C-alpha atoms as a PDB file:
ATOM      1  CA  MET A   1       2.895 -19.791  91.470  1.00  0.00           C
ATOM      2  CA  ALA A   2       5.016 -17.578  88.691  1.00  0.00           C
ATOM      3  CA  ARG A   3       2.008 -17.795  86.692  1.00  0.00           C
ATOM      4  CA  TRP A   4      -0.329 -16.395  89.422  1.00  0.00           C
ATOM      5  CA  GLY A   5       2.189 -13.731  90.159  1.00  0.00           C
ATOM      6  CA  PHE A   6       2.159 -12.672  86.448  1.00  0.00           C
ATOM      7  CA  LEU A   7      -1.502 -12.576  86.190  1.00  0.00           C
ATOM      8  CA  PHE A   8      -2.108 -10.661  89.223  1.00  0.00           C
ATOM      9  CA  GLY A   9       0.794  -8.175  88.455  1.00  0.00           C
ATOM     10  CA  VAL A  10      -1.197  -7.373  84.970  1.00  0.00           C
ATOM     11  CA  ILE A  11      -4.560  -7.189  86.646  1.00  0.00           C
ATOM     12  CA  LEU A  12      -3.294  -4.791  89.286  1.00  0.00           C
ATOM     13  CA  ALA A  13      -1.841  -2.717  87.159  1.00  0.00           C
ATOM     14  CA  VAL A  14      -5.090  -1.937  85.302  1.00  0.00           C
ATOM     15  CA  TRP A  15      -7.107  -2.495  88.358  1.00  0.00           C
ATOM     16  CA  PRO A  16      -8.116   1.633  88.469  1.00  0.00           C
ATOM     17  CA  ARG A  17      -9.839   0.896  85.002  1.00  0.00           C
ATOM     18  CA  LEU A  18     -11.687  -2.159  86.008  1.00  0.00           C
ATOM     19  CA  ALA A  19     -15.254  -2.207  85.939  1.00  0.00           C
ATOM     20  CA  PRO A  20     -17.775  -2.695  89.111  1.00  0.00           C
ATOM     21  CA  ALA A  21     -17.398  -6.031  90.994  1.00  0.00           C
ATOM     22  CA  ASP A  22     -20.504  -7.297  89.479  1.00  0.00           C
ATOM     23  CA  MET A  23     -19.197  -6.959  86.112  1.00  0.00           C
ATOM     24  CA  ILE A  24     -15.831  -8.977  86.744  1.00  0.00           C
ATOM     25  CA  ASP A  25     -16.277 -12.593  85.506  1.00  0.00           C
ATOM     26  CA  THR A  26     -15.308 -14.870  88.260  1.00  0.00           C
ATOM     27  CA  SER A  27     -17.057 -18.110  86.941  1.00  0.00           C
ATOM     28  CA  GLY A  28     -14.831 -21.035  87.440  1.00  0.00           C
ATOM     29  CA  LEU A  29     -12.734 -19.475  90.036  1.00  0.00           C
ATOM     30  CA  GLN A  30     -12.547 -20.338  93.767  1.00  0.00           C
ATOM     31  CA  PRO A  31     -14.021 -18.009  96.200  1.00  0.00           C
ATOM     32  CA  TRP A  32     -10.515 -17.143  97.431  1.00  0.00           C
ATOM     33  CA  GLU A  33      -8.932 -16.788  94.088  1.00  0.00           C
ATOM     34  CA  ALA A  34     -11.207 -13.648  93.060  1.00  0.00           C
ATOM     35  CA  CYS A  35     -10.108 -12.364  96.455  1.00  0.00           C
ATOM     36  CA  ALA A  36      -6.431 -12.966  95.569  1.00  0.00           C
ATOM     37  CA  LEU A  37      -6.582 -10.555  92.732  1.00  0.00           C
ATOM     38  CA  CYS A  38      -5.801  -7.936  95.403  1.00  0.00           C
ATOM     39  CA  HIS A  39      -4.787  -9.728  98.523  1.00  0.00           C
ATOM     40  CA  GLY A  40      -2.429 -12.565  96.740  1.00  0.00           C
ATOM     41  CA  ILE A  41      -3.143 -16.269  96.393  1.00  0.00           C
ATOM     42  CA  ASP A  42      -1.153 -16.598  99.548  1.00  0.00           C
ATOM     43  CA  GLY A  43      -2.643 -13.825 101.256  1.00  0.00           C
ATOM     44  CA  VAL A  44       0.476 -11.818 101.301  1.00  0.00           C
ATOM     45  CA  SER A  45      -0.583  -8.608  99.007  1.00  0.00           C
ATOM     46  CA  ARG A  46       2.418  -6.717  97.498  1.00  0.00           C
ATOM     47  CA  MET A  47       0.387  -3.387  97.352  1.00  0.00           C
ATOM     48  CA  ALA A  48       0.049  -1.761 100.679  1.00  0.00           C
ATOM     49  CA  LYS A  49      -3.461  -0.638  99.926  1.00  0.00           C
ATOM     50  CA  PHE A  50      -4.636  -4.212 100.332  1.00  0.00           C
ATOM     51  CA  PRO A  51      -4.166  -5.706 103.520  1.00  0.00           C
ATOM     52  CA  ARG A  52      -2.239  -9.053 104.190  1.00  0.00           C
ATOM     53  CA  LEU A  53      -4.806 -11.662 105.005  1.00  0.00           C
ATOM     54  CA  ALA A  54      -2.613 -14.672 105.597  1.00  0.00           C
ATOM     55  CA  ALA A  55      -2.576 -16.356 109.216  1.00  0.00           C
ATOM     56  CA  GLN A  56      -5.334 -13.842 110.526  1.00  0.00           C
ATOM     57  CA  PRO A  57      -7.848 -15.386 112.751  1.00  0.00           C
ATOM     58  CA  GLU A  58     -10.703 -17.096 110.786  1.00  0.00           C
ATOM     59  CA  GLY A  59     -13.240 -15.577 112.853  1.00  0.00           C
ATOM     60  CA  TYR A  60     -12.171 -12.166 112.292  1.00  0.00           C
ATOM     61  CA  LEU A  61     -11.730 -12.695 108.449  1.00  0.00           C
ATOM     62  CA  ALA A  62     -15.448 -14.123 108.137  1.00  0.00           C
ATOM     63  CA  LYS A  63     -16.951 -10.881 110.547  1.00  0.00           C
ATOM     64  CA  GLN A  64     -14.902  -8.553 108.405  1.00  0.00           C
ATOM     65  CA  LEU A  65     -16.666 -10.076 104.978  1.00  0.00           C
ATOM     66  CA  GLN A  66     -20.125 -10.121 106.719  1.00  0.00           C
ATOM     67  CA  ASP A  67     -19.740  -6.787 108.175  1.00  0.00           C
ATOM     68  CA  PHE A  68     -19.027  -5.856 104.037  1.00  0.00           C
ATOM     69  CA  ARG A  69     -21.920  -7.649 102.964  1.00  0.00           C
ATOM     70  CA  SER A  70     -24.200  -5.722 105.419  1.00  0.00           C
ATOM     71  CA  ALA A  71     -22.439  -2.323 105.035  1.00  0.00           C
ATOM     72  CA  HIS A  72     -21.515  -2.414 108.698  1.00  0.00           C
ATOM     73  CA  ARG A  73     -18.220  -1.725 107.691  1.00  0.00           C
ATOM     74  CA  GLN A  74     -17.435   0.411 104.441  1.00  0.00           C
ATOM     75  CA  ASN A  75     -14.235   1.329 102.617  1.00  0.00           C
ATOM     76  CA  ASP A  76     -13.095   3.512  99.764  1.00  0.00           C
ATOM     77  CA  ASP A  77     -15.304   3.542  96.732  1.00  0.00           C
ATOM     78  CA  ASN A  78     -17.430   0.428  98.418  1.00  0.00           C
ATOM     79  CA  VAL A  79     -15.004  -1.845  96.379  1.00  0.00           C
ATOM     80  CA  MET A  80     -15.419  -4.422  99.458  1.00  0.00           C
ATOM     81  CA  MET A  81     -18.898  -3.891  99.910  1.00  0.00           C
ATOM     82  CA  ASP A  82     -19.418  -4.955  96.381  1.00  0.00           C
ATOM     83  CA  ASN A  83     -17.198  -7.624  96.371  1.00  0.00           C
ATOM     84  CA  ALA A  84     -18.493  -9.225  99.627  1.00  0.00           C
ATOM     85  CA  ALA A  85     -21.902  -9.089  98.578  1.00  0.00           C
ATOM     86  CA  LEU A  86     -21.217 -11.626  95.605  1.00  0.00           C
ATOM     87  CA  LEU A  87     -20.098 -14.052  98.279  1.00  0.00           C
ATOM     88  CA  SER A  88     -22.807 -16.709  99.894  1.00  0.00           C
ATOM     89  CA  PRO A  89     -22.396 -17.173 103.330  1.00  0.00           C
ATOM     90  CA  THR A  90     -20.825 -20.357 102.924  1.00  0.00           C
ATOM     91  CA  GLN A  91     -18.525 -18.975 100.603  1.00  0.00           C
ATOM     92  CA  VAL A  92     -17.538 -16.369 103.248  1.00  0.00           C
ATOM     93  CA  ARG A  93     -16.611 -19.326 105.555  1.00  0.00           C
ATOM     94  CA  ILE A  94     -14.516 -20.935 103.049  1.00  0.00           C
ATOM     95  CA  VAL A  95     -12.572 -17.804 102.015  1.00  0.00           C
ATOM     96  CA  ALA A  96     -11.890 -17.164 105.689  1.00  0.00           C
ATOM     97  CA  ARG A  97     -10.584 -20.645 106.323  1.00  0.00           C
ATOM     98  CA  TYR A  98      -8.471 -20.406 103.215  1.00  0.00           C
ATOM     99  CA  PHE A  99      -6.489 -17.110 104.228  1.00  0.00           C
ATOM    100  CA  SER A 100      -6.437 -18.397 107.956  1.00  0.00           C
ATOM    101  CA  GLU A 101      -4.559 -21.470 106.808  1.00  0.00           C
ATOM    102  CA  GLN A 102      -1.945 -19.969 104.678  1.00  0.00           C
ATOM    103  CA  GLU A 103       1.844 -19.255 105.934  1.00  0.00           C
ATOM    104  CA  ALA A 104       2.328 -16.456 108.341  1.00  0.00           C
ATOM    105  CA  PRO A 105       3.921 -13.408 106.428  1.00  0.00           C
ATOM    106  CA  GLY A 106       7.249 -12.030 107.200  1.00  0.00           C
ATOM    107  CA  PRO A 107       7.977  -8.312 108.440  1.00  0.00           C
ATOM    108  CA  ILE A 108       7.480  -5.713 106.178  1.00  0.00           C
ATOM    109  CA  ASP A 109      10.978  -4.721 104.666  1.00  0.00           C
ATOM    110  CA  SER A 110      11.215  -1.411 104.302  1.00  0.00           C
ATOM    111  CA  THR A 111      12.543   2.035 106.003  1.00  0.00           C
ATOM    112  CA  GLU A 112       8.938   2.980 106.548  1.00  0.00           C
ATOM    113  CA  ALA A 113       8.524  -0.028 108.878  1.00  0.00           C
ATOM    114  CA  THR A 114      12.019   0.280 110.820  1.00  0.00           C
ATOM    115  CA  ALA A 115      12.256   3.868 111.414  1.00  0.00           C
ATOM    116  CA  HIS A 116      10.006   4.123 114.022  1.00  0.00           C
ATOM    117  CA  ALA A 117      11.341   2.377 117.021  1.00  0.00           C
ATOM    118  CA  ALA A 118       9.485   4.921 119.223  1.00  0.00           C
ATOM    119  CA  GLY A 119       6.409   2.953 118.339  1.00  0.00           C
ATOM    120  CA  GLY A 120       7.692  -0.160 120.308  1.00  0.00           C
ATOM    121  CA  ALA A 121       6.942   1.137 123.648  1.00  0.00           C
ATOM    122  CA  LEU A 122       3.243   1.735 122.660  1.00  0.00           C
ATOM    123  CA  PHE A 123       2.878  -1.323 121.275  1.00  0.00           C
ATOM    124  CA  ASN A 124       4.636  -3.618 124.052  1.00  0.00           C
ATOM    125  CA  ALA A 125       3.474  -1.372 127.055  1.00  0.00           C
ATOM    126  CA  GLY A 126       0.515   0.855 126.117  1.00  0.00           C
ATOM    127  CA  ARG A 127       0.215   4.051 128.457  1.00  0.00           C
ATOM    128  CA  PRO A 128      -1.097   2.651 131.743  1.00  0.00           C
ATOM    129  CA  ARG A 129      -1.286   6.324 133.145  1.00  0.00           C
ATOM    130  CA  GLU A 130      -3.927   7.017 129.988  1.00  0.00           C
ATOM    131  CA  ASN A 131      -5.473   3.520 130.670  1.00  0.00           C
ATOM    132  CA  LEU A 132      -4.363   2.466 127.104  1.00  0.00           C
ATOM    133  CA  SER A 133      -3.680  -1.202 126.648  1.00  0.00           C
ATOM    134  CA  ALA A 134      -0.492  -2.456 124.969  1.00  0.00           C
ATOM    135  CA  CYS A 135      -1.470  -3.467 121.225  1.00  0.00           C
ATOM    136  CA  ALA A 136       0.719  -6.578 121.729  1.00  0.00           C
ATOM    137  CA  SER A 137      -2.031  -7.973 124.212  1.00  0.00           C
ATOM    138  CA  CYS A 138      -4.260  -8.431 121.542  1.00  0.00           C
ATOM    139  CA  HIS A 139      -2.866  -8.103 118.179  1.00  0.00           C
ATOM    140  CA  VAL A 140       0.460 -10.238 117.726  1.00  0.00           C
ATOM    141  CA  GLU A 141      -1.486 -13.533 116.698  1.00  0.00           C
ATOM    142  CA  GLY A 142      -4.927 -12.071 116.903  1.00  0.00           C
ATOM    143  CA  ASP A 143      -7.616 -13.648 119.146  1.00  0.00           C
ATOM    144  CA  PRO A 144     -10.047 -15.685 117.357  1.00  0.00           C
ATOM    145  CA  ALA A 145     -12.335 -15.739 120.255  1.00  0.00           C
ATOM    146  CA  ALA A 146     -12.750 -11.993 120.575  1.00  0.00           C
ATOM    147  CA  ASN A 147     -12.192 -11.390 116.583  1.00  0.00           C
ATOM    148  CA  TYR A 148      -9.160  -9.095 116.950  1.00  0.00           C
ATOM    149  CA  PRO A 149      -6.802  -9.203 113.906  1.00  0.00           C
ATOM    150  CA  ALA A 150      -2.859  -9.672 113.858  1.00  0.00           C
ATOM    151  CA  ILE A 151      -1.397  -6.542 113.078  1.00  0.00           C
ATOM    152  CA  THR A 152       2.123  -7.870 112.920  1.00  0.00           C
ATOM    153  CA  ALA A 153       3.640  -7.654 109.273  1.00  0.00           C
ATOM    154  CA  GLN A 154       0.884  -5.809 108.065  1.00  0.00           C
ATOM    155  CA  HIS A 155       1.587  -2.841 105.610  1.00  0.00           C
ATOM    156  CA  PRO A 156       1.971   0.475 107.706  1.00  0.00           C
ATOM    157  CA  SER A 157      -0.062   2.443 105.729  1.00  0.00           C
ATOM    158  CA  TYR A 158      -3.036  -0.182 106.117  1.00  0.00           C
ATOM    159  CA  ILE A 159      -2.619   0.023 109.903  1.00  0.00           C
ATOM    160  CA  GLU A 160      -2.482   3.954 109.926  1.00  0.00           C
ATOM    161  CA  LYS A 161      -5.479   4.432 107.929  1.00  0.00           C
ATOM    162  CA  GLN A 162      -7.638   1.871 110.043  1.00  0.00           C
ATOM    163  CA  LEU A 163      -6.654   3.688 113.358  1.00  0.00           C
ATOM    164  CA  ARG A 164      -7.163   7.070 111.632  1.00  0.00           C
ATOM    165  CA  ASP A 165     -10.900   5.599 110.472  1.00  0.00           C
ATOM    166  CA  PHE A 166     -11.446   4.243 113.938  1.00  0.00           C
ATOM    167  CA  LYS A 167     -10.385   7.811 115.528  1.00  0.00           C
ATOM    168  CA  GLU A 168     -12.639   9.927 113.365  1.00  0.00           C
ATOM    169  CA  GLY A 169     -15.652   7.472 113.305  1.00  0.00           C
ATOM    170  CA  ARG A 170     -15.185   6.312 109.701  1.00  0.00           C
ATOM    171  CA  ARG A 171     -14.917   2.610 111.012  1.00  0.00           C
ATOM    172  CA  GLN A 172     -17.370   1.549 113.579  1.00  0.00           C
ATOM    173  CA  ASN A 173     -17.681  -2.350 113.472  1.00  0.00           C
ATOM    174  CA  ASP A 174     -14.914  -2.873 116.384  1.00  0.00           C
ATOM    175  CA  PRO A 175     -16.289  -5.264 119.222  1.00  0.00           C
ATOM    176  CA  ASP A 176     -18.021  -2.761 121.978  1.00  0.00           C
ATOM    177  CA  GLY A 177     -16.329   0.187 120.187  1.00  0.00           C
ATOM    178  CA  VAL A 178     -12.859  -0.973 121.685  1.00  0.00           C
ATOM    179  CA  MET A 179     -10.809   0.453 118.977  1.00  0.00           C
ATOM    180  CA  GLN A 180     -12.798   3.400 118.609  1.00  0.00           C
ATOM    181  CA  ARG A 181     -11.847   4.551 122.429  1.00  0.00           C
ATOM    182  CA  VAL A 182      -8.458   3.466 121.855  1.00  0.00           C
ATOM    183  CA  ALA A 183      -7.766   5.161 118.675  1.00  0.00           C
ATOM    184  CA  ALA A 184      -9.206   8.450 120.271  1.00  0.00           C
ATOM    185  CA  LYS A 185      -6.453   8.484 122.904  1.00  0.00           C
ATOM    186  CA  LEU A 186      -3.413   8.198 119.859  1.00  0.00           C
ATOM    187  CA  SER A 187      -2.002  11.361 118.320  1.00  0.00           C
ATOM    188  CA  ALA A 188      -1.039  11.404 114.717  1.00  0.00           C
ATOM    189  CA  GLN A 189       2.440  10.845 115.658  1.00  0.00           C
ATOM    190  CA  ASP A 190       1.520   7.567 117.948  1.00  0.00           C
ATOM    191  CA  ILE A 191      -0.647   6.097 114.995  1.00  0.00           C
ATOM    192  CA  THR A 192       2.505   6.853 112.364  1.00  0.00           C
ATOM    193  CA  ALA A 193       5.091   5.284 114.975  1.00  0.00           C
ATOM    194  CA  VAL A 194       3.072   2.043 115.916  1.00  0.00           C
ATOM    195  CA  ALA A 195       2.003   1.241 112.690  1.00  0.00           C
ATOM    196  CA  ALA A 196       5.669   1.304 111.265  1.00  0.00           C
ATOM    197  CA  TYR A 197       6.482  -0.887 114.257  1.00  0.00           C
ATOM    198  CA  ALA A 198       3.779  -3.364 114.079  1.00  0.00           C
ATOM    199  CA  GLY A 199       4.683  -3.821 110.220  1.00  0.00           C
ATOM    200  CA  SER A 200       8.512  -4.328 111.186  1.00  0.00           C
ATOM    201  CA  LEU A 201       7.317  -7.517 113.259  1.00  0.00           C
ATOM    202  CA  PRO A 202       6.785 -11.198 112.126  1.00  0.00           C
ATOM    203  CA  ARG A 203       3.378 -12.412 112.230  1.00  0.00           C
ATOM    204  CA  GLN A 204       3.120 -15.287 114.725  1.00  0.00           C
ATOM    205  CA  LYS A 205       0.276 -17.971 113.312  1.00  0.00           C
ATOM    206  CA  ARG A 206      -1.830 -19.257 116.199  1.00  0.00           C
ATOM    207  CA  SER A 207      -1.607 -22.794 116.988  1.00  0.00           C
ATOM    208  CA  GLN A 208      -4.890 -24.624 115.839  1.00  0.00           C
ATOM    209  CA  PRO A 209      -6.620 -26.300 119.129  1.00  0.00           C
END
């Protein structure tokens, strides 16, 4: 594990200068090992730009990779679109299962994640008067049947970006537009607070049936 940590640290340090995805030699790597260059071999990324994938529902991870492959979901500089395009449908399933089976990560240990207890009320109770459901109703463990992710123990700045992208129409691959409608009701302060609160919670791994 120490060898992996050192290798990923070196690669991430020079990542901004790396060639496009199709110029990186991934021969000899398992599909998830290429993903681990950013997301960690255990699915617990150390850089906030890259989401923590460990213990996410397998169906959710597979859907996101498929959406990147089809350009239904995009991200900055299209890095994930390029990388997902290199995976076959079988490899998508392998990657999704691998990361879903990793140990659930602990909470984010930072003042960013603990300084916004105001997000707790929104996360746990929502705002019924605005028909705004509690985040906890879908996103503590995630929901494999509905392809909802767990957002607990996630990097707060990553959660913030996804909520802003939903709110501003840059991300539109949510089932039935649910998250776009939710995010439209959130203020910038709401987004910061709920993201920080969610990150401060440990992730609960859903029991396998």
